[in-house]
Amino acid sequence: MTLKELEIQILALPSTEKAAIIQSLTKTINIGARGITKTPGVCGGEACIAGTRIAVWLLVEARRIGISEAQLLQDYPHISAADLVNAWVYTEAHPEEIEAAIHANEVA
């Protein structure tokens, strides 16, 4: 099977299965990925990139308004592509939580 054939098959999968594949690949490629944490007293206990105060909802909202992953990595040089993958996987697994956080942090 070629890489292109594999890509076509993966893209045809439902989002949850794609997220599971990405999560699995991230674990095998970048064992040092920090993951996502929720710490009481840090960013209101919202999900953040581990070891930072960068909330997952903030990254999701930035992506929604058109900020690319490359730009996010440039804007936040202390996070990695694997951290972004972890944020997207977390978002897929907890969409209601992320939507509630976005709504709660909207500027009027």
N, C-alpha and C. Protein backbone atom coordinates (compact mmCIF):
# COMPACT_ATOMS: atom_id res chain seq x y z
N MET A 1 0.84 -1.17 0.00
CA MET A 1 0.00 0.00 0.00
C MET A 1 0.89 1.24 0.00
N THR A 2 0.54 2.21 -0.82
CA THR A 2 1.32 3.45 -0.87
C THR A 2 0.82 4.42 0.18
N LEU A 3 1.62 5.43 0.43
CA LEU A 3 1.23 6.46 1.39
C LEU A 3 -0.04 7.16 0.93
N LYS A 4 -0.15 7.44 -0.35
CA LYS A 4 -1.34 8.10 -0.90
C LYS A 4 -2.59 7.23 -0.70
N GLU A 5 -2.48 5.93 -0.93
CA GLU A 5 -3.63 5.03 -0.72
C GLU A 5 -4.04 5.02 0.75
N LEU A 6 -3.06 4.99 1.63
CA LEU A 6 -3.34 5.01 3.06
C LEU A 6 -4.01 6.33 3.45
N GLU A 7 -3.52 7.42 2.91
CA GLU A 7 -4.11 8.73 3.20
C GLU A 7 -5.57 8.77 2.78
N ILE A 8 -5.89 8.26 1.61
CA ILE A 8 -7.27 8.24 1.13
C ILE A 8 -8.16 7.44 2.08
N GLN A 9 -7.67 6.30 2.52
CA GLN A 9 -8.45 5.47 3.45
C GLN A 9 -8.66 6.17 4.79
N ILE A 10 -7.63 6.81 5.28
CA ILE A 10 -7.73 7.50 6.58
C ILE A 10 -8.70 8.67 6.47
N LEU A 11 -8.61 9.43 5.40
CA LEU A 11 -9.50 10.59 5.24
C LEU A 11 -10.96 10.20 5.11
N ALA A 12 -11.22 8.96 4.71
CA ALA A 12 -12.60 8.48 4.58
C ALA A 12 -13.20 8.06 5.92
N LEU A 13 -12.40 7.96 6.96
CA LEU A 13 -12.87 7.53 8.27
C LEU A 13 -13.65 8.63 8.98
N PRO A 14 -14.53 8.25 9.91
CA PRO A 14 -15.20 9.27 10.74
C PRO A 14 -14.18 10.02 11.59
N SER A 15 -14.53 11.23 11.99
CA SER A 15 -13.60 12.09 12.75
C SER A 15 -13.07 11.42 14.01
N THR A 16 -13.91 10.69 14.71
CA THR A 16 -13.45 10.07 15.96
C THR A 16 -12.37 9.02 15.69
N GLU A 17 -12.51 8.28 14.59
CA GLU A 17 -11.50 7.28 14.25
C GLU A 17 -10.21 7.94 13.77
N LYS A 18 -10.34 9.06 13.03
CA LYS A 18 -9.15 9.81 12.62
C LYS A 18 -8.41 10.31 13.86
N ALA A 19 -9.16 10.84 14.81
CA ALA A 19 -8.55 11.36 16.04
C ALA A 19 -7.82 10.25 16.78
N ALA A 20 -8.41 9.06 16.82
CA ALA A 20 -7.77 7.93 17.50
C ALA A 20 -6.46 7.55 16.80
N ILE A 21 -6.47 7.58 15.49
CA ILE A 21 -5.25 7.27 14.73
C ILE A 21 -4.18 8.31 15.02
N ILE A 22 -4.57 9.58 14.99
CA ILE A 22 -3.61 10.66 15.26
C ILE A 22 -3.03 10.52 16.66
N GLN A 23 -3.89 10.23 17.61
CA GLN A 23 -3.42 10.07 18.99
C GLN A 23 -2.43 8.90 19.09
N SER A 24 -2.76 7.80 18.44
CA SER A 24 -1.88 6.64 18.46
C SER A 24 -0.54 6.95 17.80
N LEU A 25 -0.57 7.60 16.66
CA LEU A 25 0.67 7.96 15.96
C LEU A 25 1.50 8.93 16.78
N THR A 26 0.84 9.88 17.41
CA THR A 26 1.56 10.85 18.23
C THR A 26 2.32 10.16 19.36
N LYS A 27 1.69 9.17 19.95
CA LYS A 27 2.35 8.44 21.03
C LYS A 27 3.60 7.72 20.53
N THR A 28 3.54 7.18 19.32
CA THR A 28 4.69 6.43 18.81
C THR A 28 5.77 7.33 18.24
N ILE A 29 5.38 8.52 17.75
CA ILE A 29 6.36 9.41 17.13
C ILE A 29 7.01 10.33 18.15
N ASN A 30 6.22 10.88 19.04
CA ASN A 30 6.73 11.87 19.97
C ASN A 30 6.38 11.48 21.40
N ILE A 31 7.20 10.63 21.96
CA ILE A 31 6.93 10.12 23.29
C ILE A 31 7.00 11.23 24.33
N GLY A 32 7.71 12.32 24.02
CA GLY A 32 7.83 13.43 24.96
C GLY A 32 6.66 14.39 24.96
N ALA A 33 5.61 14.13 24.21
CA ALA A 33 4.47 15.04 24.19
C ALA A 33 3.91 15.19 25.59
N ARG A 34 3.55 16.40 25.94
CA ARG A 34 3.14 16.68 27.31
C ARG A 34 1.71 16.34 27.60
N GLY A 35 0.87 16.33 26.62
CA GLY A 35 -0.53 16.02 26.85
C GLY A 35 -1.33 17.22 27.30
N ILE A 36 -2.51 16.93 27.80
CA ILE A 36 -3.46 17.95 28.24
C ILE A 36 -3.71 17.74 29.73
N THR A 37 -3.73 18.84 30.47
CA THR A 37 -4.00 18.74 31.90
C THR A 37 -5.07 19.75 32.30
N LYS A 38 -5.73 19.44 33.40
CA LYS A 38 -6.68 20.35 34.02
C LYS A 38 -6.26 20.46 35.47
N THR A 39 -5.83 21.65 35.86
CA THR A 39 -5.32 21.87 37.20
C THR A 39 -6.16 22.92 37.90
N PRO A 40 -6.77 22.57 39.04
CA PRO A 40 -7.54 23.58 39.77
C PRO A 40 -6.66 24.80 40.07
N GLY A 41 -7.20 25.98 39.83
CA GLY A 41 -6.46 27.21 40.11
C GLY A 41 -5.59 27.68 38.95
N VAL A 42 -5.47 26.89 37.91
CA VAL A 42 -4.69 27.29 36.74
C VAL A 42 -5.66 27.46 35.57
N CYS A 43 -5.76 28.67 35.06
CA CYS A 43 -6.67 28.98 33.95
C CYS A 43 -8.10 28.53 34.27
N GLY A 44 -8.51 28.73 35.50
CA GLY A 44 -9.87 28.37 35.89
C GLY A 44 -10.14 26.87 35.85
N GLY A 45 -9.09 26.07 35.86
CA GLY A 45 -9.25 24.62 35.82
C GLY A 45 -9.56 24.09 34.43
N GLU A 46 -9.46 24.96 33.41
CA GLU A 46 -9.75 24.52 32.05
C GLU A 46 -8.62 23.68 31.49
N ALA A 47 -8.94 22.88 30.47
CA ALA A 47 -7.94 22.02 29.82
C ALA A 47 -6.88 22.88 29.16
N CYS A 48 -5.62 22.58 29.47
CA CYS A 48 -4.48 23.33 28.93
C CYS A 48 -3.42 22.36 28.41
N ILE A 49 -2.54 22.88 27.56
CA ILE A 49 -1.35 22.12 27.19
C ILE A 49 -0.56 21.95 28.48
N ALA A 50 -0.20 20.73 28.82
CA ALA A 50 0.49 20.44 30.08
C ALA A 50 1.74 21.30 30.23
N GLY A 51 1.92 21.82 31.41
CA GLY A 51 3.10 22.63 31.70
C GLY A 51 3.00 24.06 31.21
N THR A 52 1.83 24.45 30.69
CA THR A 52 1.63 25.81 30.20
C THR A 52 0.31 26.35 30.73
N ARG A 53 0.03 27.56 30.39
CA ARG A 53 -1.26 28.18 30.67
C ARG A 53 -1.99 28.45 29.36
N ILE A 54 -1.73 27.63 28.37
CA ILE A 54 -2.37 27.76 27.06
C ILE A 54 -3.58 26.84 27.03
N ALA A 55 -4.76 27.46 27.08
CA ALA A 55 -6.00 26.70 27.13
C ALA A 55 -6.32 26.08 25.77
N VAL A 56 -6.84 24.87 25.81
CA VAL A 56 -7.23 24.18 24.58
C VAL A 56 -8.29 24.99 23.84
N TRP A 57 -9.25 25.55 24.57
CA TRP A 57 -10.32 26.32 23.90
C TRP A 57 -9.74 27.49 23.13
N LEU A 58 -8.69 28.09 23.64
CA LEU A 58 -8.06 29.23 22.97
C LEU A 58 -7.46 28.81 21.63
N LEU A 59 -6.81 27.67 21.60
CA LEU A 59 -6.23 27.15 20.37
C LEU A 59 -7.32 26.79 19.36
N VAL A 60 -8.41 26.20 19.86
CA VAL A 60 -9.53 25.83 18.98
C VAL A 60 -10.15 27.09 18.38
N GLU A 61 -10.37 28.09 19.19
CA GLU A 61 -10.96 29.34 18.70
C GLU A 61 -10.03 30.03 17.70
N ALA A 62 -8.74 30.00 17.97
CA ALA A 62 -7.79 30.59 17.03
C ALA A 62 -7.85 29.89 15.68
N ARG A 63 -7.93 28.58 15.70
CA ARG A 63 -8.01 27.82 14.45
C ARG A 63 -9.31 28.15 13.73
N ARG A 64 -10.39 28.32 14.45
CA ARG A 64 -11.68 28.64 13.83
C ARG A 64 -11.67 29.98 13.11
N ILE A 65 -10.92 30.93 13.63
CA ILE A 65 -10.90 32.24 12.97
C ILE A 65 -9.83 32.32 11.89
N GLY A 66 -9.21 31.19 11.61
CA GLY A 66 -8.31 31.13 10.46
C GLY A 66 -6.83 31.16 10.75
N ILE A 67 -6.45 31.09 12.01
CA ILE A 67 -5.03 31.07 12.33
C ILE A 67 -4.51 29.65 12.08
N SER A 68 -3.48 29.54 11.28
CA SER A 68 -2.94 28.22 10.91
C SER A 68 -2.15 27.61 12.06
N GLU A 69 -1.96 26.30 11.96
CA GLU A 69 -1.14 25.62 12.96
C GLU A 69 0.28 26.17 12.95
N ALA A 70 0.79 26.46 11.77
CA ALA A 70 2.14 27.03 11.67
C ALA A 70 2.22 28.35 12.42
N GLN A 71 1.20 29.18 12.29
CA GLN A 71 1.18 30.46 12.99
C GLN A 71 1.06 30.25 14.49
N LEU A 72 0.23 29.29 14.91
CA LEU A 72 0.12 29.00 16.35
C LEU A 72 1.46 28.57 16.91
N LEU A 73 2.19 27.74 16.18
CA LEU A 73 3.50 27.28 16.66
C LEU A 73 4.49 28.43 16.70
N GLN A 74 4.33 29.38 15.79
CA GLN A 74 5.20 30.56 15.82
C GLN A 74 4.81 31.48 16.98
N ASP A 75 3.51 31.65 17.20
CA ASP A 75 3.04 32.51 18.29
C ASP A 75 3.33 31.93 19.67
N TYR A 76 3.33 30.61 19.76
CA TYR A 76 3.60 29.91 21.03
C TYR A 76 4.79 28.98 20.83
N PRO A 77 6.00 29.52 20.77
CA PRO A 77 7.18 28.71 20.42
C PRO A 77 7.52 27.61 21.43
N HIS A 78 6.95 27.66 22.62
CA HIS A 78 7.24 26.65 23.63
C HIS A 78 6.29 25.45 23.55
N ILE A 79 5.39 25.41 22.55
CA ILE A 79 4.58 24.22 22.33
C ILE A 79 5.01 23.58 21.01
N SER A 80 4.66 22.32 20.84
CA SER A 80 5.07 21.56 19.65
C SER A 80 3.85 21.17 18.83
N ALA A 81 4.13 20.66 17.64
CA ALA A 81 3.05 20.15 16.78
C ALA A 81 2.31 19.03 17.50
N ALA A 82 3.02 18.21 18.26
CA ALA A 82 2.38 17.13 19.02
C ALA A 82 1.42 17.70 20.06
N ASP A 83 1.77 18.86 20.65
CA ASP A 83 0.86 19.50 21.61
C ASP A 83 -0.44 19.92 20.92
N LEU A 84 -0.32 20.43 19.69
CA LEU A 84 -1.51 20.81 18.93
C LEU A 84 -2.36 19.58 18.62
N VAL A 85 -1.70 18.50 18.23
CA VAL A 85 -2.45 17.26 17.95
C VAL A 85 -3.18 16.82 19.22
N ASN A 86 -2.52 16.88 20.35
CA ASN A 86 -3.17 16.52 21.61
C ASN A 86 -4.37 17.42 21.88
N ALA A 87 -4.24 18.71 21.58
CA ALA A 87 -5.36 19.64 21.78
C ALA A 87 -6.53 19.28 20.88
N TRP A 88 -6.26 18.95 19.61
CA TRP A 88 -7.34 18.61 18.67
C TRP A 88 -8.01 17.28 19.08
N VAL A 89 -7.21 16.32 19.51
CA VAL A 89 -7.77 15.04 19.96
C VAL A 89 -8.63 15.26 21.20
N TYR A 90 -8.15 16.09 22.12
CA TYR A 90 -8.93 16.38 23.33
C TYR A 90 -10.25 17.04 22.95
N THR A 91 -10.20 17.95 22.00
CA THR A 91 -11.40 18.65 21.55
C THR A 91 -12.40 17.67 20.95
N GLU A 92 -11.91 16.73 20.16
CA GLU A 92 -12.80 15.70 19.58
C GLU A 92 -13.45 14.87 20.67
N ALA A 93 -12.71 14.59 21.73
CA ALA A 93 -13.23 13.75 22.80
C ALA A 93 -14.14 14.51 23.76
N HIS A 94 -13.99 15.84 23.85
CA HIS A 94 -14.74 16.64 24.82
C HIS A 94 -15.33 17.89 24.16
N PRO A 95 -16.12 17.73 23.11
CA PRO A 95 -16.60 18.92 22.38
C PRO A 95 -17.49 19.84 23.22
N GLU A 96 -18.33 19.30 24.07
CA GLU A 96 -19.22 20.14 24.88
C GLU A 96 -18.41 21.00 25.84
N GLU A 97 -17.40 20.40 26.44
CA GLU A 97 -16.55 21.14 27.38
C GLU A 97 -15.86 22.31 26.68
N ILE A 98 -15.32 22.05 25.49
CA ILE A 98 -14.59 23.09 24.76
C ILE A 98 -15.55 24.19 24.32
N GLU A 99 -16.72 23.81 23.82
CA GLU A 99 -17.71 24.81 23.40
C GLU A 99 -18.15 25.68 24.57
N ALA A 100 -18.34 25.06 25.73
CA ALA A 100 -18.73 25.82 26.92
C ALA A 100 -17.62 26.80 27.33
N ALA A 101 -16.38 26.36 27.23
CA ALA A 101 -15.24 27.23 27.59
C ALA A 101 -15.14 28.40 26.60
N ILE A 102 -15.34 28.12 25.33
CA ILE A 102 -15.31 29.20 24.32
C ILE A 102 -16.40 30.21 24.63
N HIS A 103 -17.61 29.69 24.87
CA HIS A 103 -18.74 30.57 25.17
C HIS A 103 -18.49 31.39 26.44
N ALA A 104 -17.95 30.75 27.47
CA ALA A 104 -17.71 31.44 28.75
C ALA A 104 -16.63 32.52 28.62
N ASN A 105 -15.75 32.37 27.65
CA ASN A 105 -14.64 33.32 27.49
C ASN A 105 -14.84 34.30 26.34
N GLU A 106 -16.04 34.32 25.75
CA GLU A 106 -16.31 35.27 24.67
C GLU A 106 -16.27 36.68 25.22
N VAL A 107 -15.71 37.57 24.42
CA VAL A 107 -15.69 38.97 24.77
C VAL A 107 -16.95 39.61 24.23
N ALA A 108 -17.66 40.30 25.09
CA ALA A 108 -18.94 40.91 24.67
C ALA A 108 -18.74 42.08 23.74
